């Protein structure tokens, strides 16, 4: 087997011409025959018992070509990428030059390769200092959340609905006198002021009394996810059954004892402040890193291949699909709700994908320029953390070079980010 590699006229793209010996291709055809023999039904033979040469005569030898190609070509293509140190960042564009029984298999694969970023200024980059301070409002917000979490609902029967009440209602929605799907519910709990319903609906509940019936007129938003209802006038026949109101516990030492390990409200406030300050430090660190990487990336030059962007967007959509699955949704349903096609979403994510790719390539360039390395001790430490997280022993990963390489790359990236931050100049806003 041999392989010729040549650059194409496009930047960051190469063409591989791979030749696989005829004996290997014929062997692949035999493997395909044995895998698929049970499916062939040829007169004079029991199903799946016809010899390979009979199957070839009956269907033609081409019956095995495509599967034989898939059996052997992918592995050999991957081997050639490794042998020639080619880091492919796109799916290969494959063209078969020669394929047949008793012949060498010859095919070409055009693939985009990973580019290198050309660094501009990366040391002494000036960015605004990022700082977050804990205010009394922040602490009070946390306390309010604790009150809400420990509130209780009390029934109200001596007044009409007010904003902030929780109502229990029946409703039936119709457009032009015809009920529509999903527009009906019984004993539905709705918090007035939560803005979870169509604009204007909750406002018209205010003032209703228990057992009162009312027709509420609303207009569906133009951008409503259901195209059949978007922009339409609707009427909801509403019956009010109950009015409830949240009763919040007092902000005092008793609440502190109930919701924490502290005996006084002042101790609880101090603890909240400490927690928020730690969160702010982490936020400052993360946003500073992001700002420095962005500033360095803006000064760097790199031509990112289209295939690299396509794969990055693919990964982003897979992440979205995973998150949606936790909510019991599929991507198709989400797109329908958003009123967008997959192509439109892909286009929207392209700038984000390009920025992410460029950031990675810039960090790799800094690692190379500054000769940043990951030590055995650092890799070992990360292996220990990984083993603990997955409830395994560190020795379980000893022979896994892929994991070690992955951890090493992560360590080098962290060091490169720290290097850029340490060498950046922070300026105070307004100064």
Protein backbone atom coordinates (compact mmCIF):
# COMPACT_ATOMS: atom_id res chain seq x y z
CA UNK A 1 0.00 0.00 0.00
CA UNK A 2 1.24 3.49 -0.77
CA UNK A 3 0.02 7.04 -0.49
CA UNK A 4 0.83 10.24 -2.39
CA UNK A 5 0.13 13.55 -0.64
CA UNK A 6 -0.05 16.88 -2.42
CA UNK A 7 -1.33 20.32 -1.52
CA UNK A 8 -4.31 21.59 -3.45
CA UNK A 9 -4.76 25.16 -4.69
CA UNK A 10 -6.81 25.88 -1.56
CA UNK A 11 -5.15 26.98 1.69
CA UNK A 12 -5.04 24.31 4.43
CA UNK A 13 -6.14 21.50 2.11
CA UNK A 14 -4.38 18.36 0.87
CA UNK A 15 -5.17 15.55 -1.52
CA UNK A 16 -4.24 11.97 -0.65
CA UNK A 17 -4.07 9.29 -3.35
CA UNK A 18 -4.19 5.94 -1.56
CA UNK A 19 -3.45 2.62 -3.23
CA UNK A 20 -4.44 -0.60 -1.46
CA UNK A 21 -3.08 -3.91 -2.70
CA UNK A 22 -5.54 -6.08 -4.68
CA UNK A 23 -5.13 -8.99 -2.23
CA UNK A 24 -6.34 -6.77 0.64
CA UNK A 25 -9.36 -5.63 -1.37
CA UNK A 26 -10.23 -9.21 -2.36
CA UNK A 27 -9.94 -10.23 1.30
CA UNK A 28 -12.32 -7.42 2.23
CA UNK A 29 -14.79 -8.70 -0.38
CA UNK A 30 -14.66 -12.16 1.26
CA UNK A 31 -15.38 -10.62 4.68
CA UNK A 32 -18.37 -8.81 3.23
CA UNK A 33 -19.61 -12.03 1.62
CA UNK A 34 -19.48 -13.96 4.91
CA UNK A 35 -21.29 -11.12 6.72
CA UNK A 36 -24.08 -10.90 4.14
CA UNK A 37 -24.36 -14.50 2.80
CA UNK A 38 -27.50 -15.20 4.86
CA UNK A 39 -29.42 -12.58 2.89
CA UNK A 40 -28.85 -14.08 -0.59
CA UNK A 41 -31.63 -16.25 -2.03
CA UNK A 42 -30.42 -18.00 -5.20
CA UNK A 43 -32.33 -20.76 -7.04
CA UNK A 44 -30.82 -24.22 -6.41
CA UNK A 45 -29.33 -23.27 -3.05
CA UNK A 46 -30.75 -22.97 0.42
CA UNK A 47 -31.02 -19.33 1.51
CA UNK A 48 -27.62 -18.12 2.64
CA UNK A 49 -25.76 -21.22 1.43
CA UNK A 50 -24.73 -20.12 -2.09
CA UNK A 51 -20.90 -19.96 -2.54
CA UNK A 52 -19.32 -16.55 -3.16
CA UNK A 53 -18.52 -17.25 -6.83
CA UNK A 54 -22.16 -18.23 -7.49
CA UNK A 55 -23.41 -15.05 -5.80
CA UNK A 56 -21.01 -13.00 -7.96
CA UNK A 57 -22.23 -14.70 -11.14
CA UNK A 58 -25.87 -14.19 -10.19
CA UNK A 59 -25.63 -10.53 -9.04
CA UNK A 60 -22.28 -9.47 -10.53
CA UNK A 61 -19.06 -9.00 -8.49
CA UNK A 62 -20.01 -5.33 -8.00
CA UNK A 63 -22.47 -6.52 -5.34
CA UNK A 64 -19.59 -6.55 -2.81
CA UNK A 65 -17.60 -3.52 -4.00
CA UNK A 66 -19.19 -0.72 -1.94
CA UNK A 67 -19.22 -2.64 1.34
CA UNK A 68 -15.69 -3.92 0.73
CA UNK A 69 -14.56 -0.33 0.15
CA UNK A 70 -16.15 0.76 3.43
CA UNK A 71 -14.62 -2.26 5.17
CA UNK A 72 -11.07 -1.32 4.26
CA UNK A 73 -10.82 2.31 3.09
CA UNK A 74 -11.71 4.15 6.32
CA UNK A 75 -9.06 2.35 8.37
CA UNK A 76 -6.37 2.83 5.71
CA UNK A 77 -7.30 6.51 5.34
CA UNK A 78 -6.90 7.02 9.11
CA UNK A 79 -3.55 5.17 9.03
CA UNK A 80 -2.28 7.42 6.24
CA UNK A 81 -3.28 10.56 8.15
CA UNK A 82 -1.19 9.35 11.11
CA UNK A 83 1.74 8.23 8.96
CA UNK A 84 1.96 11.61 7.20
CA UNK A 85 1.18 13.67 10.35
CA UNK A 86 -1.92 15.19 8.77
CA UNK A 87 -4.41 16.69 11.24
CA UNK A 88 -7.69 16.59 9.33
CA UNK A 89 -10.43 19.01 10.39
CA UNK A 90 -13.11 18.15 7.83
CA UNK A 91 -14.84 15.12 6.42
CA UNK A 92 -12.88 13.77 3.42
CA UNK A 93 -14.16 14.31 -0.11
CA UNK A 94 -13.60 10.81 -1.54
CA UNK A 95 -13.32 9.85 -5.22
CA UNK A 96 -12.74 6.24 -6.33
CA UNK A 97 -10.18 6.01 -9.16
CA UNK A 98 -10.07 2.22 -9.51
CA UNK A 99 -12.01 -0.55 -7.82
CA UNK A 100 -12.56 -4.14 -8.88
CA UNK A 101 -11.91 -7.75 -8.01
CA UNK A 102 -8.26 -8.67 -8.55
CA UNK A 103 -7.29 -4.98 -8.89
CA UNK A 104 -5.52 -2.58 -6.60
CA UNK A 105 -8.03 -0.25 -4.94
CA UNK A 106 -7.12 3.36 -5.73
CA UNK A 107 -9.00 6.32 -4.30
CA UNK A 108 -8.35 9.97 -3.53
CA UNK A 109 -9.39 11.90 -0.45
CA UNK A 110 -9.35 15.69 -0.32
CA UNK A 111 -9.35 16.95 3.24
CA UNK A 112 -8.93 20.27 5.02
CA UNK A 113 -6.08 20.46 7.52
CA UNK A 114 -5.71 22.24 10.82
CA UNK A 115 -4.29 25.75 10.37
CA UNK A 116 -1.85 27.55 12.64
CA UNK A 117 -2.65 30.97 14.05
CA UNK A 118 -0.18 33.77 13.36
CA UNK A 119 0.12 35.63 16.65
CA UNK A 120 0.08 39.39 16.81
CA UNK A 121 0.74 41.11 20.12
CA UNK A 122 -0.03 38.67 22.91
CA UNK A 123 2.06 39.92 25.83
CA UNK A 124 1.15 43.17 27.54
CA UNK A 125 -2.39 43.18 26.14
CA UNK A 126 -4.44 45.91 27.83
CA UNK A 127 -7.95 45.11 29.09
CA UNK A 128 -10.36 46.71 31.53
CA UNK A 129 -10.11 45.35 35.06
CA UNK A 130 -13.16 43.25 35.86
CA UNK A 131 -14.45 43.63 39.40
CA UNK A 132 -17.70 42.65 41.13
CA UNK A 133 -18.56 43.85 44.62
CA UNK A 134 -21.21 42.40 46.92
CA UNK A 135 -23.92 44.95 47.74
CA UNK A 136 -26.63 44.95 50.39
CA UNK A 137 -29.13 44.40 47.54
CA UNK A 138 -27.31 41.18 46.59
CA UNK A 139 -27.54 39.88 50.15
CA UNK A 140 -31.19 40.91 50.44
CA UNK A 141 -31.94 39.13 47.15
CA UNK A 142 -30.57 35.88 48.61
CA UNK A 143 -32.56 36.38 51.81
CA UNK A 144 -35.72 37.05 49.76
CA UNK A 145 -35.11 33.78 47.90
CA UNK A 146 -34.85 31.96 51.25
CA UNK A 147 -38.11 33.56 52.36
CA UNK A 148 -39.82 32.50 49.14
CA UNK A 149 -38.52 28.95 49.51
CA UNK A 150 -39.91 28.76 53.04
CA UNK A 151 -43.19 30.55 52.35
CA UNK A 152 -46.62 28.97 52.77
CA UNK A 153 -49.81 29.45 50.80
CA UNK A 154 -52.89 30.79 52.55
CA UNK A 155 -56.40 30.87 51.05
CA UNK A 156 -58.04 34.25 50.42
CA UNK A 157 -61.84 34.45 50.30
CA UNK A 158 -62.64 38.02 51.34
CA UNK A 159 -61.36 40.02 48.39
CA UNK A 160 -60.86 39.96 44.59
CA UNK A 161 -57.62 38.86 42.85
CA UNK A 162 -54.61 41.14 43.24
CA UNK A 163 -51.23 41.12 41.49
CA UNK A 164 -48.96 38.52 43.11
CA UNK A 165 -51.84 36.17 44.00
CA UNK A 166 -51.86 32.55 42.94
CA UNK A 167 -55.16 31.69 41.30
CA UNK A 168 -56.76 28.34 40.51
CA UNK A 169 -58.72 28.63 37.26
CA UNK A 170 -60.46 26.69 34.49
CA UNK A 171 -60.09 28.10 31.00
CA UNK A 172 -61.15 27.28 27.45
CA UNK A 173 -59.60 29.22 24.57
CA UNK A 174 -61.14 29.76 21.13
CA UNK A 175 -60.33 31.62 17.91
CA UNK A 176 -63.31 32.72 15.80
CA UNK A 177 -65.53 30.63 18.07
CA UNK A 178 -63.52 27.41 17.51
CA UNK A 179 -61.59 25.84 20.38
CA UNK A 180 -57.90 25.23 19.60
CA UNK A 181 -55.56 22.47 20.72
CA UNK A 182 -53.75 23.14 24.02
CA UNK A 183 -56.10 25.99 24.93
CA UNK A 184 -58.01 24.18 27.67
CA UNK A 185 -57.23 23.35 31.33
CA UNK A 186 -58.94 22.70 34.65
CA UNK A 187 -57.77 23.69 38.15
CA UNK A 188 -54.76 25.43 36.65
CA UNK A 189 -52.52 27.33 39.10
CA UNK A 190 -51.48 30.72 37.71
CA UNK A 191 -49.43 33.31 39.56
CA UNK A 192 -50.63 36.76 38.58
CA UNK A 193 -47.69 38.86 37.46
CA UNK A 194 -45.52 35.89 36.47
CA UNK A 195 -45.99 36.74 32.76
CA UNK A 196 -46.22 33.06 31.88
CA UNK A 197 -49.41 33.52 29.84
CA UNK A 198 -50.20 35.49 26.69
CA UNK A 199 -49.65 39.24 27.26
CA UNK A 200 -52.77 40.82 28.75
CA UNK A 201 -54.27 37.57 30.07
CA UNK A 202 -53.07 37.83 33.68
CA UNK A 203 -53.93 41.54 33.94
CA UNK A 204 -57.60 40.73 33.20
CA UNK A 205 -57.73 38.15 36.02
CA UNK A 206 -57.07 40.98 38.51
CA UNK A 207 -60.35 42.01 40.16
CA UNK A 208 -62.11 38.68 39.62
CA UNK A 209 -63.92 37.08 42.57
CA UNK A 210 -64.20 33.41 43.54
CA UNK A 211 -66.69 31.47 41.32
CA UNK A 212 -66.81 34.35 38.85
CA UNK A 213 -66.79 33.59 35.12
CA UNK A 214 -65.28 35.98 32.61
CA UNK A 215 -64.40 36.17 28.91
CA UNK A 216 -60.81 37.35 28.53
CA UNK A 217 -59.86 38.76 25.14
CA UNK A 218 -56.21 38.61 24.05
CA UNK A 219 -54.12 38.66 20.90
CA UNK A 220 -51.44 36.04 20.29
CA UNK A 221 -48.00 37.58 19.61
CA UNK A 222 -46.93 37.72 15.95
CA UNK A 223 -43.84 35.63 16.83
CA UNK A 224 -45.87 32.96 18.70
CA UNK A 225 -44.36 29.48 18.18
CA UNK A 226 -47.64 28.05 16.83
CA UNK A 227 -48.01 29.57 13.36
CA UNK A 228 -51.73 28.71 13.32
CA UNK A 229 -52.29 31.03 16.30
CA UNK A 230 -49.64 33.72 15.72
CA UNK A 231 -51.20 37.18 15.51
CA UNK A 232 -54.76 35.85 16.02
CA UNK A 233 -57.39 37.34 18.35
CA UNK A 234 -58.56 34.82 20.94
CA UNK A 235 -61.18 34.58 23.69
CA UNK A 236 -60.62 32.57 26.88
CA UNK A 237 -63.65 31.64 28.98
CA UNK A 238 -62.23 31.71 32.53
CA UNK A 239 -63.72 30.45 35.80
CA UNK A 240 -62.00 31.41 39.06
CA UNK A 241 -62.08 28.74 41.79
CA UNK A 242 -59.50 29.81 44.39
CA UNK A 243 -57.29 32.71 45.40
CA UNK A 244 -54.11 31.99 47.33
CA UNK A 245 -51.34 34.22 48.59
CA UNK A 246 -47.79 33.50 49.67
CA UNK A 247 -47.10 34.25 53.31
CA UNK A 248 -43.40 34.89 53.81
CA UNK A 249 -41.65 34.12 57.11
CA UNK A 250 -40.15 37.06 58.99
CA UNK A 251 -36.51 37.94 58.41
CA UNK A 252 -35.25 37.19 61.90
CA UNK A 253 -33.04 34.85 63.91
CA UNK A 254 -35.72 32.13 63.79
CA UNK A 255 -35.56 32.07 59.99
CA UNK A 256 -31.75 31.87 60.15
CA UNK A 257 -32.03 28.82 62.44
CA UNK A 258 -34.59 27.18 60.11
CA UNK A 259 -32.65 27.63 56.84
CA UNK A 260 -29.01 27.36 57.97
CA UNK A 261 -26.61 26.20 60.66
CA UNK A 262 -26.45 29.74 62.11
CA UNK A 263 -28.23 31.05 65.19
CA UNK A 264 -28.63 34.69 64.16
CA UNK A 265 -29.66 36.62 61.07
CA UNK A 266 -26.41 38.60 61.17
CA UNK A 267 -24.36 35.40 61.02
CA UNK A 268 -26.45 34.21 58.08
CA UNK A 269 -25.91 37.53 56.26
CA UNK A 270 -22.15 37.28 56.84
CA UNK A 271 -22.17 33.76 55.41
CA UNK A 272 -24.16 34.87 52.36
CA UNK A 273 -21.72 37.73 51.78
CA UNK A 274 -18.74 35.37 51.97
CA UNK A 275 -20.36 32.96 49.51
CA UNK A 276 -21.22 35.76 47.06
CA UNK A 277 -17.69 37.18 47.28
CA UNK A 278 -16.26 33.76 46.37
CA UNK A 279 -18.68 33.51 43.44
CA UNK A 280 -17.64 36.98 42.31
CA UNK A 281 -13.97 36.00 42.40
CA UNK A 282 -14.67 33.02 40.17
CA UNK A 283 -16.73 35.21 37.83
CA UNK A 284 -13.97 37.86 37.71
CA UNK A 285 -11.38 35.17 36.94
CA UNK A 286 -13.45 33.59 34.16
CA UNK A 287 -14.44 36.88 32.52
CA UNK A 288 -10.86 38.21 32.72
CA UNK A 289 -9.60 35.07 30.98
CA UNK A 290 -12.29 35.42 28.30
CA UNK A 291 -11.45 39.10 27.76
CA UNK A 292 -7.70 38.44 27.43
CA UNK A 293 -8.19 35.51 25.01
CA UNK A 294 -10.58 37.63 22.92
CA UNK A 295 -8.12 40.55 22.83
CA UNK A 296 -5.23 38.28 21.78
CA UNK A 297 -7.42 36.54 19.19
CA UNK A 298 -8.40 39.87 17.64
CA UNK A 299 -4.73 40.62 17.00
CA UNK A 300 -3.99 37.16 15.55
CA UNK A 301 -4.40 36.04 11.94
CA UNK A 302 -5.74 32.64 10.90
CA UNK A 303 -7.75 31.25 8.00
CA UNK A 304 -10.25 28.76 9.38
CA UNK A 305 -11.33 26.00 6.95
CA UNK A 306 -15.07 25.67 6.28
CA UNK A 307 -15.09 22.02 7.36
CA UNK A 308 -13.68 22.96 10.76
CA UNK A 309 -16.53 25.46 11.25
CA UNK A 310 -19.09 22.89 10.11
CA UNK A 311 -17.90 20.30 12.65
CA UNK A 312 -17.82 22.91 15.44
CA UNK A 313 -21.43 23.88 14.67
CA UNK A 314 -22.33 20.16 14.60
CA UNK A 315 -20.95 19.83 18.12
CA UNK A 316 -22.87 22.90 19.28
CA UNK A 317 -26.13 21.45 17.94
CA UNK A 318 -25.38 18.14 19.67
CA UNK A 319 -25.00 20.04 22.95
CA UNK A 320 -28.35 21.74 22.34
CA UNK A 321 -29.97 18.36 21.59
CA UNK A 322 -28.58 16.94 24.84
CA UNK A 323 -29.90 19.85 26.90
CA UNK A 324 -33.29 19.65 25.17
CA UNK A 325 -33.51 15.91 25.86
CA UNK A 326 -33.44 16.68 29.60
CA UNK A 327 -36.65 18.68 29.03
CA UNK A 328 -38.21 15.90 26.95
CA UNK A 329 -37.82 17.86 23.71
CA UNK A 330 -36.26 17.06 20.35
CA UNK A 331 -34.34 19.50 18.16
CA UNK A 332 -37.12 19.43 15.54
CA UNK A 333 -39.69 20.50 18.17
CA UNK A 334 -37.40 23.28 19.41
CA UNK A 335 -36.90 24.57 15.86
CA UNK A 336 -40.65 24.55 15.31
CA UNK A 337 -41.19 26.52 18.52
CA UNK A 338 -38.56 29.03 17.43
CA UNK A 339 -40.01 29.20 13.92
CA UNK A 340 -36.60 28.50 12.38
CA UNK A 341 -34.98 25.91 10.13
CA UNK A 342 -31.87 23.95 11.09
CA UNK A 343 -29.98 25.81 8.36
CA UNK A 344 -30.94 29.18 9.93
CA UNK A 345 -29.82 28.01 13.39
CA UNK A 346 -26.53 26.74 11.95
CA UNK A 347 -25.94 30.14 10.32
CA UNK A 348 -26.64 31.90 13.64
CA UNK A 349 -24.08 29.73 15.45
CA UNK A 350 -21.32 30.21 12.87
CA UNK A 351 -19.81 33.41 14.42
CA UNK A 352 -19.72 31.72 17.84
CA UNK A 353 -18.10 28.64 16.29
CA UNK A 354 -15.46 30.73 14.51
CA UNK A 355 -14.64 32.61 17.73
CA UNK A 356 -14.29 29.33 19.68
CA UNK A 357 -12.04 27.77 17.03
CA UNK A 358 -9.87 30.88 16.76
CA UNK A 359 -9.46 31.01 20.56
CA UNK A 360 -8.25 27.40 20.61
CA UNK A 361 -5.84 27.95 17.73
CA UNK A 362 -4.46 31.08 19.39
CA UNK A 363 -3.87 29.20 22.65
CA UNK A 364 -2.09 26.44 20.71
CA UNK A 365 0.12 29.08 19.06
CA UNK A 366 0.98 30.57 22.47
CA UNK A 367 1.79 27.08 23.82
CA UNK A 368 4.14 26.51 20.88
CA UNK A 369 5.73 29.98 21.04
CA UNK A 370 6.31 29.88 24.81
CA UNK A 371 7.24 26.15 24.83
CA UNK A 372 4.60 25.40 27.48
CA UNK A 373 4.62 21.78 28.68
CA UNK A 374 2.64 19.54 31.03
CA UNK A 375 4.76 17.68 33.56
CA UNK A 376 4.28 14.03 34.53
CA UNK A 377 3.35 15.16 38.05
CA UNK A 378 0.62 17.48 36.70
CA UNK A 379 -0.82 14.75 34.48
CA UNK A 380 -0.72 12.30 37.38
CA UNK A 381 -2.58 14.78 39.57
CA UNK A 382 -5.29 15.22 36.92
CA UNK A 383 -5.54 11.45 36.52
CA UNK A 384 -6.12 11.19 40.25
CA UNK A 385 -8.94 13.76 40.06
CA UNK A 386 -10.49 11.93 37.10
CA UNK A 387 -10.29 8.57 38.85
CA UNK A 388 -11.99 10.05 41.93
CA UNK A 389 -14.77 11.64 39.84
CA UNK A 390 -15.50 8.37 38.04
CA UNK A 391 -15.09 6.24 41.17
CA UNK A 392 -12.15 4.34 39.67
CA UNK A 393 -8.53 3.68 40.55
CA UNK A 394 -5.76 5.81 39.08
CA UNK A 395 -4.10 2.63 37.76
CA UNK A 396 -7.17 2.03 35.56
CA UNK A 397 -5.96 4.89 33.32
CA UNK A 398 -2.24 4.04 33.34
CA UNK A 399 -2.21 2.46 29.88
CA UNK A 400 -4.64 4.88 28.26
CA UNK A 401 -2.42 7.26 26.30
CA UNK A 402 -5.43 9.01 24.74
CA UNK A 403 -6.68 10.13 28.15
CA UNK A 404 -3.19 11.21 29.20
CA UNK A 405 -2.76 13.22 26.00
CA UNK A 406 -6.18 14.80 26.49
CA UNK A 407 -5.31 15.81 30.06
CA UNK A 408 -1.90 17.11 28.95
CA UNK A 409 -3.52 19.33 26.31
CA UNK A 410 -5.94 20.67 28.93
CA UNK A 411 -3.08 21.45 31.34
CA UNK A 412 -1.12 23.27 28.63
CA UNK A 413 -4.18 25.31 27.68
CA UNK A 414 -4.74 26.30 31.32
CA UNK A 415 -1.08 27.35 31.60
CA UNK A 416 -1.31 29.35 28.38
CA UNK A 417 -4.39 31.20 29.66
CA UNK A 418 -2.66 31.92 32.98
CA UNK A 419 0.38 33.15 31.07
CA UNK A 420 -1.69 35.57 28.99
CA UNK A 421 -3.53 36.91 32.06
CA UNK A 422 -0.30 37.33 34.04
CA UNK A 423 1.22 39.28 31.16
CA UNK A 424 -1.84 41.44 30.51
CA UNK A 425 -2.20 45.03 31.71
CA UNK A 426 -5.36 45.72 33.71
CA UNK A 427 -6.75 49.24 33.59
CA UNK A 428 -9.45 50.56 35.87
CA UNK A 429 -12.63 51.67 34.11
CA UNK A 430 -12.77 55.41 33.60
CA UNK A 431 -9.07 55.84 34.31
